[in-house]
Amino acid sequence: MPIVTVQQGPRDVESKRELVARITDAFVDAYKIPADTVQVWIQETPTDSFAVAGRLVAETKR
């Protein structure tokens, strides 16, 4: 049973729903396994708790 962990900043529920569907489909297609054997865990970190290029993401313009 594959377990996929996604670490990311906060996203809306619709975006996460689409992401987990696509990840699940990729495993089903690649490994020829049932969808109910694929687990996707999303770990969200607030933008003031991670940095890119030495700056907190919360402090950068997107």
PDB file of N, CA and C in Angstrom:
ATOM      1  N   MET A   1       0.844  -1.170   0.000  1.00  0.00           N
ATOM      2  CA  MET A   1       0.000   0.000   0.000  1.00  0.00           C
ATOM      3  C   MET A   1       0.891   1.236   0.000  1.00  0.00           C
ATOM      4  N   PRO A   2       0.880   2.021  -1.093  1.00  0.00           N
ATOM      5  CA  PRO A   2       1.688   3.231  -1.123  1.00  0.00           C
ATOM      6  C   PRO A   2       1.111   4.316  -0.217  1.00  0.00           C
ATOM      7  N   ILE A   3       2.004   5.039   0.425  1.00  0.00           N
ATOM      8  CA  ILE A   3       1.646   6.208   1.212  1.00  0.00           C
ATOM      9  C   ILE A   3       2.456   7.369   0.656  1.00  0.00           C
ATOM     10  N   VAL A   4       1.772   8.384   0.193  1.00  0.00           N
ATOM     11  CA  VAL A   4       2.410   9.566  -0.373  1.00  0.00           C
ATOM     12  C   VAL A   4       2.229  10.703   0.620  1.00  0.00           C
ATOM     13  N   THR A   5       3.306  11.382   0.968  1.00  0.00           N
ATOM     14  CA  THR A   5       3.220  12.525   1.861  1.00  0.00           C
ATOM     15  C   THR A   5       3.536  13.785   1.074  1.00  0.00           C
ATOM     16  N   VAL A   6       2.635  14.748   1.135  1.00  0.00           N
ATOM     17  CA  VAL A   6       2.805  16.028   0.470  1.00  0.00           C
ATOM     18  C   VAL A   6       3.004  17.079   1.550  1.00  0.00           C
ATOM     19  N   GLN A   7       4.109  17.780   1.490  1.00  0.00           N
ATOM     20  CA  GLN A   7       4.361  18.882   2.415  1.00  0.00           C
ATOM     21  C   GLN A   7       4.230  20.165   1.624  1.00  0.00           C
ATOM     22  N   GLN A   8       3.371  21.055   2.116  1.00  0.00           N
ATOM     23  CA  GLN A   8       3.111  22.271   1.356  1.00  0.00           C
ATOM     24  C   GLN A   8       2.597  23.368   2.267  1.00  0.00           C
ATOM     25  N   GLY A   9       2.529  24.566   1.706  1.00  0.00           N
ATOM     26  CA  GLY A   9       1.864  25.662   2.379  1.00  0.00           C
ATOM     27  C   GLY A   9       0.352  25.474   2.257  1.00  0.00           C
ATOM     28  N   PRO A  10      -0.407  26.284   2.940  1.00  0.00           N
ATOM     29  CA  PRO A  10      -1.861  26.156   2.930  1.00  0.00           C
ATOM     30  C   PRO A  10      -2.465  26.287   1.527  1.00  0.00           C
ATOM     31  N   ARG A  11      -3.425  25.438   1.244  1.00  0.00           N
ATOM     32  CA  ARG A  11      -4.181  25.465  -0.018  1.00  0.00           C
ATOM     33  C   ARG A  11      -5.656  25.275   0.308  1.00  0.00           C
ATOM     34  N   ASP A  12      -6.517  25.646  -0.630  1.00  0.00           N
ATOM     35  CA  ASP A  12      -7.950  25.460  -0.416  1.00  0.00           C
ATOM     36  C   ASP A  12      -8.334  23.991  -0.641  1.00  0.00           C
ATOM     37  N   VAL A  13      -9.484  23.621  -0.130  1.00  0.00           N
ATOM     38  CA  VAL A  13      -9.930  22.226  -0.165  1.00  0.00           C
ATOM     39  C   VAL A  13     -10.073  21.715  -1.595  1.00  0.00           C
ATOM     40  N   GLU A  14     -10.581  22.537  -2.498  1.00  0.00           N
ATOM     41  CA  GLU A  14     -10.739  22.098  -3.893  1.00  0.00           C
ATOM     42  C   GLU A  14      -9.393  21.734  -4.519  1.00  0.00           C
ATOM     43  N   SER A  15      -8.377  22.533  -4.261  1.00  0.00           N
ATOM     44  CA  SER A  15      -7.041  22.244  -4.799  1.00  0.00           C
ATOM     45  C   SER A  15      -6.498  20.935  -4.238  1.00  0.00           C
ATOM     46  N   LYS A  16      -6.683  20.719  -2.949  1.00  0.00           N
ATOM     47  CA  LYS A  16      -6.203  19.477  -2.331  1.00  0.00           C
ATOM     48  C   LYS A  16      -6.981  18.270  -2.861  1.00  0.00           C
ATOM     49  N   ARG A  17      -8.279  18.451  -3.066  1.00  0.00           N
ATOM     50  CA  ARG A  17      -9.099  17.358  -3.609  1.00  0.00           C
ATOM     51  C   ARG A  17      -8.594  16.938  -4.983  1.00  0.00           C
ATOM     52  N   GLU A  18      -8.297  17.924  -5.834  1.00  0.00           N
ATOM     53  CA  GLU A  18      -7.782  17.619  -7.172  1.00  0.00           C
ATOM     54  C   GLU A  18      -6.406  16.963  -7.092  1.00  0.00           C
ATOM     55  N   LEU A  19      -5.546  17.476  -6.227  1.00  0.00           N
ATOM     56  CA  LEU A  19      -4.205  16.907  -6.085  1.00  0.00           C
ATOM     57  C   LEU A  19      -4.250  15.445  -5.672  1.00  0.00           C
ATOM     58  N   VAL A  20      -5.030  15.124  -4.645  1.00  0.00           N
ATOM     59  CA  VAL A  20      -5.059  13.732  -4.180  1.00  0.00           C
ATOM     60  C   VAL A  20      -5.671  12.808  -5.225  1.00  0.00           C
ATOM     61  N   ALA A  21      -6.626  13.307  -5.993  1.00  0.00           N
ATOM     62  CA  ALA A  21      -7.207  12.487  -7.066  1.00  0.00           C
ATOM     63  C   ALA A  21      -6.151  12.175  -8.128  1.00  0.00           C
ATOM     64  N   ARG A  22      -5.371  13.187  -8.499  1.00  0.00           N
ATOM     65  CA  ARG A  22      -4.344  12.975  -9.529  1.00  0.00           C
ATOM     66  C   ARG A  22      -3.218  12.062  -9.043  1.00  0.00           C
ATOM     67  N   ILE A  23      -2.806  12.253  -7.798  1.00  0.00           N
ATOM     68  CA  ILE A  23      -1.765  11.379  -7.242  1.00  0.00           C
ATOM     69  C   ILE A  23      -2.262   9.940  -7.203  1.00  0.00           C
ATOM     70  N   THR A  24      -3.473   9.757  -6.735  1.00  0.00           N
ATOM     71  CA  THR A  24      -4.050   8.406  -6.669  1.00  0.00           C
ATOM     72  C   THR A  24      -4.114   7.789  -8.057  1.00  0.00           C
ATOM     73  N   ASP A  25      -4.612   8.543  -9.031  1.00  0.00           N
ATOM     74  CA  ASP A  25      -4.685   8.036 -10.407  1.00  0.00           C
ATOM     75  C   ASP A  25      -3.320   7.636 -10.945  1.00  0.00           C
ATOM     76  N   ALA A  26      -2.291   8.418 -10.607  1.00  0.00           N
ATOM     77  CA  ALA A  26      -0.939   8.104 -11.085  1.00  0.00           C
ATOM     78  C   ALA A  26      -0.471   6.751 -10.555  1.00  0.00           C
ATOM     79  N   PHE A  27      -0.729   6.473  -9.279  1.00  0.00           N
ATOM     80  CA  PHE A  27      -0.339   5.186  -8.710  1.00  0.00           C
ATOM     81  C   PHE A  27      -1.163   4.046  -9.286  1.00  0.00           C
ATOM     82  N   VAL A  28      -2.440   4.280  -9.473  1.00  0.00           N
ATOM     83  CA  VAL A  28      -3.303   3.250 -10.063  1.00  0.00           C
ATOM     84  C   VAL A  28      -2.811   2.912 -11.465  1.00  0.00           C
ATOM     85  N   ASP A  29      -2.496   3.934 -12.259  1.00  0.00           N
ATOM     86  CA  ASP A  29      -2.022   3.715 -13.631  1.00  0.00           C
ATOM     87  C   ASP A  29      -0.646   3.055 -13.670  1.00  0.00           C
ATOM     88  N   ALA A  30       0.272   3.535 -12.839  1.00  0.00           N
ATOM     89  CA  ALA A  30       1.654   3.047 -12.880  1.00  0.00           C
ATOM     90  C   ALA A  30       1.805   1.655 -12.276  1.00  0.00           C
ATOM     91  N   TYR A  31       1.137   1.406 -11.172  1.00  0.00           N
ATOM     92  CA  TYR A  31       1.329   0.160 -10.427  1.00  0.00           C
ATOM     93  C   TYR A  31       0.215  -0.849 -10.630  1.00  0.00           C
ATOM     94  N   LYS A  32      -0.856  -0.406 -11.320  1.00  0.00           N
ATOM     95  CA  LYS A  32      -2.004  -1.308 -11.572  1.00  0.00           C
ATOM     96  C   LYS A  32      -2.559  -1.844 -10.254  1.00  0.00           C
ATOM     97  N   ILE A  33      -2.805  -0.931  -9.327  1.00  0.00           N
ATOM     98  CA  ILE A  33      -3.333  -1.294  -8.010  1.00  0.00           C
ATOM     99  C   ILE A  33      -4.679  -0.605  -7.810  1.00  0.00           C
ATOM    100  N   PRO A  34      -5.502  -1.120  -6.896  1.00  0.00           N
ATOM    101  CA  PRO A  34      -6.779  -0.465  -6.623  1.00  0.00           C
ATOM    102  C   PRO A  34      -6.578   0.894  -5.951  1.00  0.00           C
ATOM    103  N   ALA A  35      -7.447   1.831  -6.282  1.00  0.00           N
ATOM    104  CA  ALA A  35      -7.356   3.178  -5.720  1.00  0.00           C
ATOM    105  C   ALA A  35      -7.458   3.156  -4.200  1.00  0.00           C
ATOM    106  N   ASP A  36      -8.218   2.233  -3.655  1.00  0.00           N
ATOM    107  CA  ASP A  36      -8.399   2.226  -2.196  1.00  0.00           C
ATOM    108  C   ASP A  36      -7.174   1.742  -1.434  1.00  0.00           C
ATOM    109  N   THR A  37      -6.109   1.408  -2.155  1.00  0.00           N
ATOM    110  CA  THR A  37      -4.869   1.033  -1.472  1.00  0.00           C
ATOM    111  C   THR A  37      -3.876   2.196  -1.403  1.00  0.00           C
ATOM    112  N   VAL A  38      -4.206   3.312  -2.039  1.00  0.00           N
ATOM    113  CA  VAL A  38      -3.315   4.474  -2.088  1.00  0.00           C
ATOM    114  C   VAL A  38      -3.736   5.479  -1.006  1.00  0.00           C
ATOM    115  N   GLN A  39      -2.784   5.845  -0.164  1.00  0.00           N
ATOM    116  CA  GLN A  39      -3.028   6.867   0.857  1.00  0.00           C
ATOM    117  C   GLN A  39      -2.218   8.107   0.521  1.00  0.00           C
ATOM    118  N   VAL A  40      -2.859   9.271   0.628  1.00  0.00           N
ATOM    119  CA  VAL A  40      -2.175  10.537   0.424  1.00  0.00           C
ATOM    120  C   VAL A  40      -2.354  11.363   1.693  1.00  0.00           C
ATOM    121  N   TRP A  41      -1.263  11.744   2.290  1.00  0.00           N
ATOM    122  CA  TRP A  41      -1.271  12.548   3.518  1.00  0.00           C
ATOM    123  C   TRP A  41      -0.759  13.928   3.170  1.00  0.00           C
ATOM    124  N   ILE A  42      -1.523  14.939   3.516  1.00  0.00           N
ATOM    125  CA  ILE A  42      -1.116  16.316   3.259  1.00  0.00           C
ATOM    126  C   ILE A  42      -0.743  16.969   4.580  1.00  0.00           C
ATOM    127  N   GLN A  43       0.478  17.463   4.637  1.00  0.00           N
ATOM    128  CA  GLN A  43       0.957  18.185   5.821  1.00  0.00           C
ATOM    129  C   GLN A  43       1.139  19.639   5.413  1.00  0.00           C
ATOM    130  N   GLU A  44       0.299  20.510   5.960  1.00  0.00           N
ATOM    131  CA  GLU A  44       0.375  21.924   5.623  1.00  0.00           C
ATOM    132  C   GLU A  44       1.133  22.688   6.702  1.00  0.00           C
ATOM    133  N   THR A  45       1.990  23.562   6.237  1.00  0.00           N
ATOM    134  CA  THR A  45       2.789  24.380   7.130  1.00  0.00           C
ATOM    135  C   THR A  45       2.453  25.841   6.853  1.00  0.00           C
ATOM    136  N   PRO A  46       2.165  26.624   7.874  1.00  0.00           N
ATOM    137  CA  PRO A  46       1.881  28.044   7.654  1.00  0.00           C
ATOM    138  C   PRO A  46       3.050  28.733   6.960  1.00  0.00           C
ATOM    139  N   THR A  47       2.741  29.732   6.157  1.00  0.00           N
ATOM    140  CA  THR A  47       3.785  30.408   5.382  1.00  0.00           C
ATOM    141  C   THR A  47       4.795  31.151   6.244  1.00  0.00           C
ATOM    142  N   ASP A  48       4.474  31.365   7.519  1.00  0.00           N
ATOM    143  CA  ASP A  48       5.470  31.988   8.401  1.00  0.00           C
ATOM    144  C   ASP A  48       6.352  30.943   9.081  1.00  0.00           C
ATOM    145  N   SER A  49       6.209  29.689   8.650  1.00  0.00           N
ATOM    146  CA  SER A  49       6.997  28.615   9.254  1.00  0.00           C
ATOM    147  C   SER A  49       7.912  27.905   8.267  1.00  0.00           C
ATOM    148  N   PHE A  50       8.065  28.462   7.046  1.00  0.00           N
ATOM    149  CA  PHE A  50       9.063  27.922   6.136  1.00  0.00           C
ATOM    150  C   PHE A  50       9.601  29.035   5.250  1.00  0.00           C
ATOM    151  N   ALA A  51      10.796  28.800   4.727  1.00  0.00           N
ATOM    152  CA  ALA A  51      11.487  29.837   3.972  1.00  0.00           C
ATOM    153  C   ALA A  51      11.977  29.306   2.636  1.00  0.00           C
ATOM    154  N   VAL A  52      12.143  30.223   1.704  1.00  0.00           N
ATOM    155  CA  VAL A  52      12.742  29.952   0.400  1.00  0.00           C
ATOM    156  C   VAL A  52      13.788  31.032   0.173  1.00  0.00           C
ATOM    157  N   ALA A  53      14.959  30.621  -0.206  1.00  0.00           N
ATOM    158  CA  ALA A  53      16.062  31.554  -0.485  1.00  0.00           C
ATOM    159  C   ALA A  53      16.357  32.458   0.713  1.00  0.00           C
ATOM    160  N   GLY A  54      16.231  31.915   1.898  1.00  0.00           N
ATOM    161  CA  GLY A  54      16.595  32.648   3.096  1.00  0.00           C
ATOM    162  C   GLY A  54      15.550  33.623   3.611  1.00  0.00           C
ATOM    163  N   ARG A  55      14.345  33.599   3.038  1.00  0.00           N
ATOM    164  CA  ARG A  55      13.278  34.501   3.476  1.00  0.00           C
ATOM    165  C   ARG A  55      12.025  33.717   3.764  1.00  0.00           C
ATOM    166  N   LEU A  56      11.337  34.068   4.859  1.00  0.00           N
ATOM    167  CA  LEU A  56      10.062  33.432   5.158  1.00  0.00           C
ATOM    168  C   LEU A  56       9.091  33.676   4.003  1.00  0.00           C
ATOM    169  N   VAL A  57       8.380  32.647   3.628  1.00  0.00           N
ATOM    170  CA  VAL A  57       7.447  32.772   2.510  1.00  0.00           C
ATOM    171  C   VAL A  57       6.387  33.835   2.819  1.00  0.00           C
ATOM    172  N   ALA A  58       5.964  33.938   4.067  1.00  0.00           N
ATOM    173  CA  ALA A  58       4.962  34.937   4.447  1.00  0.00           C
ATOM    174  C   ALA A  58       5.440  36.361   4.178  1.00  0.00           C
ATOM    175  N   GLU A  59       6.746  36.566   4.095  1.00  0.00           N
ATOM    176  CA  GLU A  59       7.302  37.902   3.895  1.00  0.00           C
ATOM    177  C   GLU A  59       7.669  38.189   2.442  1.00  0.00           C
ATOM    178  N   THR A  60       7.426  37.252   1.570  1.00  0.00           N
ATOM    179  CA  THR A  60       7.732  37.457   0.154  1.00  0.00           C
ATOM    180  C   THR A  60       6.449  37.707  -0.609  1.00  0.00           C
ATOM    181  N   LYS A  61       6.573  38.464  -1.681  1.00  0.00           N
ATOM    182  CA  LYS A  61       5.408  38.718  -2.533  1.00  0.00           C
ATOM    183  C   LYS A  61       5.268  37.567  -3.504  1.00  0.00           C
ATOM    184  N   ARG A  62       4.042  37.190  -3.744  1.00  0.00           N
ATOM    185  CA  ARG A  62       3.766  36.091  -4.682  1.00  0.00           C
ATOM    186  C   ARG A  62       3.136  36.631  -5.925  1.00  0.00           C
TER     187      ARG A  62
END
